[in-house]
Amino acid sequence: MKFIKNLIINALTAVGILIFLWLVISWADVLMHNDPITGDKQYMPGNAIVMMIGLTE
């Protein structure tokens, strides 16, 4: 029982870390491609920030 509990906790922790990294990478991608001088708005596919607020509309 303890093994299953630890496995679930570790899996949830790993998923949380991956989601956090996805958000950080997406935010950095928005910052790199959204400046007023060279802002090409060519965001990476699956960008979390773009999907959440719809910047491509």
PDB file of N, CA and C in Angstrom:
ATOM      1  N   MET A   1       0.826  -1.198   0.000  1.00  0.00           N
ATOM      2  CA  MET A   1       0.000   0.000   0.000  1.00  0.00           C
ATOM      3  C   MET A   1       0.871   1.264   0.000  1.00  0.00           C
ATOM      4  N   LYS A   2       1.932   1.228   0.798  1.00  0.00           N
ATOM      5  CA  LYS A   2       2.818   2.387   0.873  1.00  0.00           C
ATOM      6  C   LYS A   2       3.512   2.633  -0.467  1.00  0.00           C
ATOM      7  N   PHE A   3       3.853   1.538  -1.177  1.00  0.00           N
ATOM      8  CA  PHE A   3       4.488   1.656  -2.481  1.00  0.00           C
ATOM      9  C   PHE A   3       3.569   2.369  -3.476  1.00  0.00           C
ATOM     10  N   ILE A   4       2.310   2.004  -3.480  1.00  0.00           N
ATOM     11  CA  ILE A   4       1.349   2.626  -4.408  1.00  0.00           C
ATOM     12  C   ILE A   4       1.160   4.096  -4.066  1.00  0.00           C
ATOM     13  N   LYS A   5       1.072   4.408  -2.790  1.00  0.00           N
ATOM     14  CA  LYS A   5       0.921   5.804  -2.366  1.00  0.00           C
ATOM     15  C   LYS A   5       2.127   6.630  -2.801  1.00  0.00           C
ATOM     16  N   ASN A   6       3.334   6.110  -2.597  1.00  0.00           N
ATOM     17  CA  ASN A   6       4.546   6.827  -3.021  1.00  0.00           C
ATOM     18  C   ASN A   6       4.610   6.963  -4.533  1.00  0.00           C
ATOM     19  N   LEU A   7       4.181   5.933  -5.243  1.00  0.00           N
ATOM     20  CA  LEU A   7       4.167   5.981  -6.700  1.00  0.00           C
ATOM     21  C   LEU A   7       3.227   7.070  -7.207  1.00  0.00           C
ATOM     22  N   ILE A   8       2.059   7.171  -6.626  1.00  0.00           N
ATOM     23  CA  ILE A   8       1.086   8.202  -7.018  1.00  0.00           C
ATOM     24  C   ILE A   8       1.618   9.587  -6.694  1.00  0.00           C
ATOM     25  N   ILE A   9       2.181   9.759  -5.524  1.00  0.00           N
ATOM     26  CA  ILE A   9       2.732  11.058  -5.130  1.00  0.00           C
ATOM     27  C   ILE A   9       3.867  11.464  -6.063  1.00  0.00           C
ATOM     28  N   ASN A  10       4.757  10.539  -6.385  1.00  0.00           N
ATOM     29  CA  ASN A  10       5.869  10.831  -7.284  1.00  0.00           C
ATOM     30  C   ASN A  10       5.384  11.139  -8.692  1.00  0.00           C
ATOM     31  N   ALA A  11       4.367  10.422  -9.153  1.00  0.00           N
ATOM     32  CA  ALA A  11       3.814  10.692 -10.485  1.00  0.00           C
ATOM     33  C   ALA A  11       3.178  12.077 -10.538  1.00  0.00           C
ATOM     34  N   LEU A  12       2.416  12.439  -9.530  1.00  0.00           N
ATOM     35  CA  LEU A  12       1.793  13.769  -9.486  1.00  0.00           C
ATOM     36  C   LEU A  12       2.839  14.879  -9.389  1.00  0.00           C
ATOM     37  N   THR A  13       3.896  14.627  -8.649  1.00  0.00           N
ATOM     38  CA  THR A  13       4.982  15.601  -8.550  1.00  0.00           C
ATOM     39  C   THR A  13       5.653  15.788  -9.903  1.00  0.00           C
ATOM     40  N   ALA A  14       5.910  14.694 -10.603  1.00  0.00           N
ATOM     41  CA  ALA A  14       6.539  14.777 -11.924  1.00  0.00           C
ATOM     42  C   ALA A  14       5.640  15.513 -12.912  1.00  0.00           C
ATOM     43  N   VAL A  15       4.355  15.243 -12.882  1.00  0.00           N
ATOM     44  CA  VAL A  15       3.415  15.936 -13.773  1.00  0.00           C
ATOM     45  C   VAL A  15       3.374  17.426 -13.447  1.00  0.00           C
ATOM     46  N   GLY A  16       3.373  17.765 -12.182  1.00  0.00           N
ATOM     47  CA  GLY A  16       3.382  19.171 -11.782  1.00  0.00           C
ATOM     48  C   GLY A  16       4.630  19.900 -12.250  1.00  0.00           C
ATOM     49  N   ILE A  17       5.766  19.253 -12.134  1.00  0.00           N
ATOM     50  CA  ILE A  17       7.027  19.853 -12.589  1.00  0.00           C
ATOM     51  C   ILE A  17       7.006  20.041 -14.101  1.00  0.00           C
ATOM     52  N   LEU A  18       6.505  19.049 -14.831  1.00  0.00           N
ATOM     53  CA  LEU A  18       6.435  19.158 -16.289  1.00  0.00           C
ATOM     54  C   LEU A  18       5.499  20.286 -16.733  1.00  0.00           C
ATOM     55  N   ILE A  19       4.368  20.429 -16.062  1.00  0.00           N
ATOM     56  CA  ILE A  19       3.439  21.525 -16.392  1.00  0.00           C
ATOM     57  C   ILE A  19       4.094  22.868 -16.097  1.00  0.00           C
ATOM     58  N   PHE A  20       4.787  22.973 -14.986  1.00  0.00           N
ATOM     59  CA  PHE A  20       5.475  24.216 -14.653  1.00  0.00           C
ATOM     60  C   PHE A  20       6.532  24.557 -15.701  1.00  0.00           C
ATOM     61  N   LEU A  21       7.316  23.563 -16.126  1.00  0.00           N
ATOM     62  CA  LEU A  21       8.329  23.793 -17.160  1.00  0.00           C
ATOM     63  C   LEU A  21       7.693  24.205 -18.485  1.00  0.00           C
ATOM     64  N   TRP A  22       6.571  23.600 -18.847  1.00  0.00           N
ATOM     65  CA  TRP A  22       5.850  23.953 -20.067  1.00  0.00           C
ATOM     66  C   TRP A  22       5.405  25.417 -20.018  1.00  0.00           C
ATOM     67  N   LEU A  23       4.904  25.847 -18.869  1.00  0.00           N
ATOM     68  CA  LEU A  23       4.480  27.240 -18.723  1.00  0.00           C
ATOM     69  C   LEU A  23       5.664  28.207 -18.799  1.00  0.00           C
ATOM     70  N   VAL A  24       6.778  27.856 -18.170  1.00  0.00           N
ATOM     71  CA  VAL A  24       7.962  28.723 -18.201  1.00  0.00           C
ATOM     72  C   VAL A  24       8.520  28.826 -19.619  1.00  0.00           C
ATOM     73  N   ILE A  25       8.619  27.705 -20.306  1.00  0.00           N
ATOM     74  CA  ILE A  25       9.136  27.717 -21.680  1.00  0.00           C
ATOM     75  C   ILE A  25       8.190  28.487 -22.594  1.00  0.00           C
ATOM     76  N   SER A  26       6.892  28.319 -22.408  1.00  0.00           N
ATOM     77  CA  SER A  26       5.914  29.044 -23.218  1.00  0.00           C
ATOM     78  C   SER A  26       6.015  30.548 -22.970  1.00  0.00           C
ATOM     79  N   TRP A  27       6.182  30.942 -21.727  1.00  0.00           N
ATOM     80  CA  TRP A  27       6.297  32.361 -21.407  1.00  0.00           C
ATOM     81  C   TRP A  27       7.567  32.955 -22.035  1.00  0.00           C
ATOM     82  N   ALA A  28       8.663  32.227 -21.964  1.00  0.00           N
ATOM     83  CA  ALA A  28       9.907  32.698 -22.594  1.00  0.00           C
ATOM     84  C   ALA A  28       9.734  32.815 -24.105  1.00  0.00           C
ATOM     85  N   ASP A  29       9.013  31.891 -24.712  1.00  0.00           N
ATOM     86  CA  ASP A  29       8.754  31.938 -26.151  1.00  0.00           C
ATOM     87  C   ASP A  29       7.925  33.175 -26.517  1.00  0.00           C
ATOM     88  N   VAL A  30       6.928  33.487 -25.715  1.00  0.00           N
ATOM     89  CA  VAL A  30       6.124  34.689 -25.959  1.00  0.00           C
ATOM     90  C   VAL A  30       6.993  35.935 -25.832  1.00  0.00           C
ATOM     91  N   LEU A  31       7.844  35.986 -24.827  1.00  0.00           N
ATOM     92  CA  LEU A  31       8.712  37.152 -24.655  1.00  0.00           C
ATOM     93  C   LEU A  31       9.687  37.314 -25.816  1.00  0.00           C
ATOM     94  N   MET A  32      10.173  36.205 -26.374  1.00  0.00           N
ATOM     95  CA  MET A  32      11.131  36.279 -27.479  1.00  0.00           C
ATOM     96  C   MET A  32      10.479  36.707 -28.794  1.00  0.00           C
ATOM     97  N   HIS A  33       9.213  36.369 -28.997  1.00  0.00           N
ATOM     98  CA  HIS A  33       8.577  36.602 -30.288  1.00  0.00           C
ATOM     99  C   HIS A  33       7.529  37.710 -30.265  1.00  0.00           C
ATOM    100  N   ASN A  34       7.431  38.463 -29.206  1.00  0.00           N
ATOM    101  CA  ASN A  34       6.362  39.444 -29.099  1.00  0.00           C
ATOM    102  C   ASN A  34       6.888  40.853 -28.824  1.00  0.00           C
ATOM    103  N   ASP A  35       8.127  41.147 -29.218  1.00  0.00           N
ATOM    104  CA  ASP A  35       8.649  42.485 -28.970  1.00  0.00           C
ATOM    105  C   ASP A  35       8.202  43.417 -30.105  1.00  0.00           C
ATOM    106  N   PRO A  36       8.173  44.716 -29.874  1.00  0.00           N
ATOM    107  CA  PRO A  36       7.646  45.653 -30.878  1.00  0.00           C
ATOM    108  C   PRO A  36       8.544  45.829 -32.097  1.00  0.00           C
ATOM    109  N   ILE A  37       9.822  45.500 -32.028  1.00  0.00           N
ATOM    110  CA  ILE A  37      10.730  45.736 -33.149  1.00  0.00           C
ATOM    111  C   ILE A  37      10.750  44.536 -34.094  1.00  0.00           C
ATOM    112  N   THR A  38      11.070  43.377 -33.577  1.00  0.00           N
ATOM    113  CA  THR A  38      11.162  42.181 -34.422  1.00  0.00           C
ATOM    114  C   THR A  38      10.102  41.156 -34.063  1.00  0.00           C
ATOM    115  N   GLY A  39       9.007  41.577 -33.523  1.00  0.00           N
ATOM    116  CA  GLY A  39       7.965  40.644 -33.078  1.00  0.00           C
ATOM    117  C   GLY A  39       7.301  39.933 -34.228  1.00  0.00           C
ATOM    118  N   ASP A  40       7.759  38.726 -34.525  1.00  0.00           N
ATOM    119  CA  ASP A  40       7.213  37.988 -35.647  1.00  0.00           C
ATOM    120  C   ASP A  40       6.000  37.143 -35.268  1.00  0.00           C
ATOM    121  N   LYS A  41       5.740  37.031 -33.979  1.00  0.00           N
ATOM    122  CA  LYS A  41       4.617  36.256 -33.459  1.00  0.00           C
ATOM    123  C   LYS A  41       4.603  34.818 -33.986  1.00  0.00           C
ATOM    124  N   GLN A  42       5.778  34.244 -34.195  1.00  0.00           N
ATOM    125  CA  GLN A  42       5.906  32.841 -34.616  1.00  0.00           C
ATOM    126  C   GLN A  42       6.146  31.984 -33.372  1.00  0.00           C
ATOM    127  N   TYR A  43       5.085  31.765 -32.617  1.00  0.00           N
ATOM    128  CA  TYR A  43       5.192  31.016 -31.374  1.00  0.00           C
ATOM    129  C   TYR A  43       5.337  29.527 -31.651  1.00  0.00           C
ATOM    130  N   MET A  44       5.928  28.811 -30.693  1.00  0.00           N
ATOM    131  CA  MET A  44       6.101  27.367 -30.841  1.00  0.00           C
ATOM    132  C   MET A  44       4.731  26.690 -30.806  1.00  0.00           C
ATOM    133  N   PRO A  45       4.602  25.575 -31.503  1.00  0.00           N
ATOM    134  CA  PRO A  45       3.340  24.825 -31.432  1.00  0.00           C
ATOM    135  C   PRO A  45       3.101  24.343 -30.002  1.00  0.00           C
ATOM    136  N   GLY A  46       1.880  24.449 -29.549  1.00  0.00           N
ATOM    137  CA  GLY A  46       1.550  24.003 -28.200  1.00  0.00           C
ATOM    138  C   GLY A  46       1.925  24.996 -27.119  1.00  0.00           C
ATOM    139  N   ASN A  47       2.123  26.258 -27.477  1.00  0.00           N
ATOM    140  CA  ASN A  47       2.473  27.278 -26.504  1.00  0.00           C
ATOM    141  C   ASN A  47       1.293  27.479 -25.547  1.00  0.00           C
ATOM    142  N   ALA A  48       1.535  27.269 -24.264  1.00  0.00           N
ATOM    143  CA  ALA A  48       0.468  27.332 -23.266  1.00  0.00           C
ATOM    144  C   ALA A  48      -0.128  28.729 -23.157  1.00  0.00           C
ATOM    145  N   ILE A  49       0.698  29.749 -23.221  1.00  0.00           N
ATOM    146  CA  ILE A  49       0.213  31.122 -23.070  1.00  0.00           C
ATOM    147  C   ILE A  49      -0.682  31.486 -24.249  1.00  0.00           C
ATOM    148  N   VAL A  50      -0.264  31.111 -25.453  1.00  0.00           N
ATOM    149  CA  VAL A  50      -1.062  31.385 -26.646  1.00  0.00           C
ATOM    150  C   VAL A  50      -2.381  30.650 -26.585  1.00  0.00           C
ATOM    151  N   MET A  51      -2.355  29.410 -26.146  1.00  0.00           N
ATOM    152  CA  MET A  51      -3.591  28.630 -26.058  1.00  0.00           C
ATOM    153  C   MET A  51      -4.523  29.197 -24.991  1.00  0.00           C
ATOM    154  N   MET A  52      -3.972  29.728 -23.895  1.00  0.00           N
ATOM    155  CA  MET A  52      -4.821  30.237 -22.820  1.00  0.00           C
ATOM    156  C   MET A  52      -5.478  31.564 -23.170  1.00  0.00           C
ATOM    157  N   ILE A  53      -4.768  32.458 -23.841  1.00  0.00           N
ATOM    158  CA  ILE A  53      -5.328  33.782 -24.067  1.00  0.00           C
ATOM    159  C   ILE A  53      -5.605  34.081 -25.532  1.00  0.00           C
ATOM    160  N   GLY A  54      -5.292  33.168 -26.422  1.00  0.00           N
ATOM    161  CA  GLY A  54      -5.616  33.328 -27.828  1.00  0.00           C
ATOM    162  C   GLY A  54      -4.898  34.478 -28.514  1.00  0.00           C
ATOM    163  N   LEU A  55      -3.585  34.536 -28.443  1.00  0.00           N
ATOM    164  CA  LEU A  55      -2.831  35.612 -29.064  1.00  0.00           C
ATOM    165  C   LEU A  55      -2.816  35.538 -30.589  1.00  0.00           C
ATOM    166  N   THR A  56      -3.108  34.391 -31.154  1.00  0.00           N
ATOM    167  CA  THR A  56      -3.020  34.227 -32.602  1.00  0.00           C
ATOM    168  C   THR A  56      -4.297  34.636 -33.318  1.00  0.00           C
ATOM    169  N   GLU A  57      -5.306  35.061 -32.606  1.00  0.00           N
ATOM    170  CA  GLU A  57      -6.564  35.460 -33.246  1.00  0.00           C
ATOM    171  C   GLU A  57      -6.446  36.810 -33.891  1.00  0.00           C
TER     172      GLU A  57
END
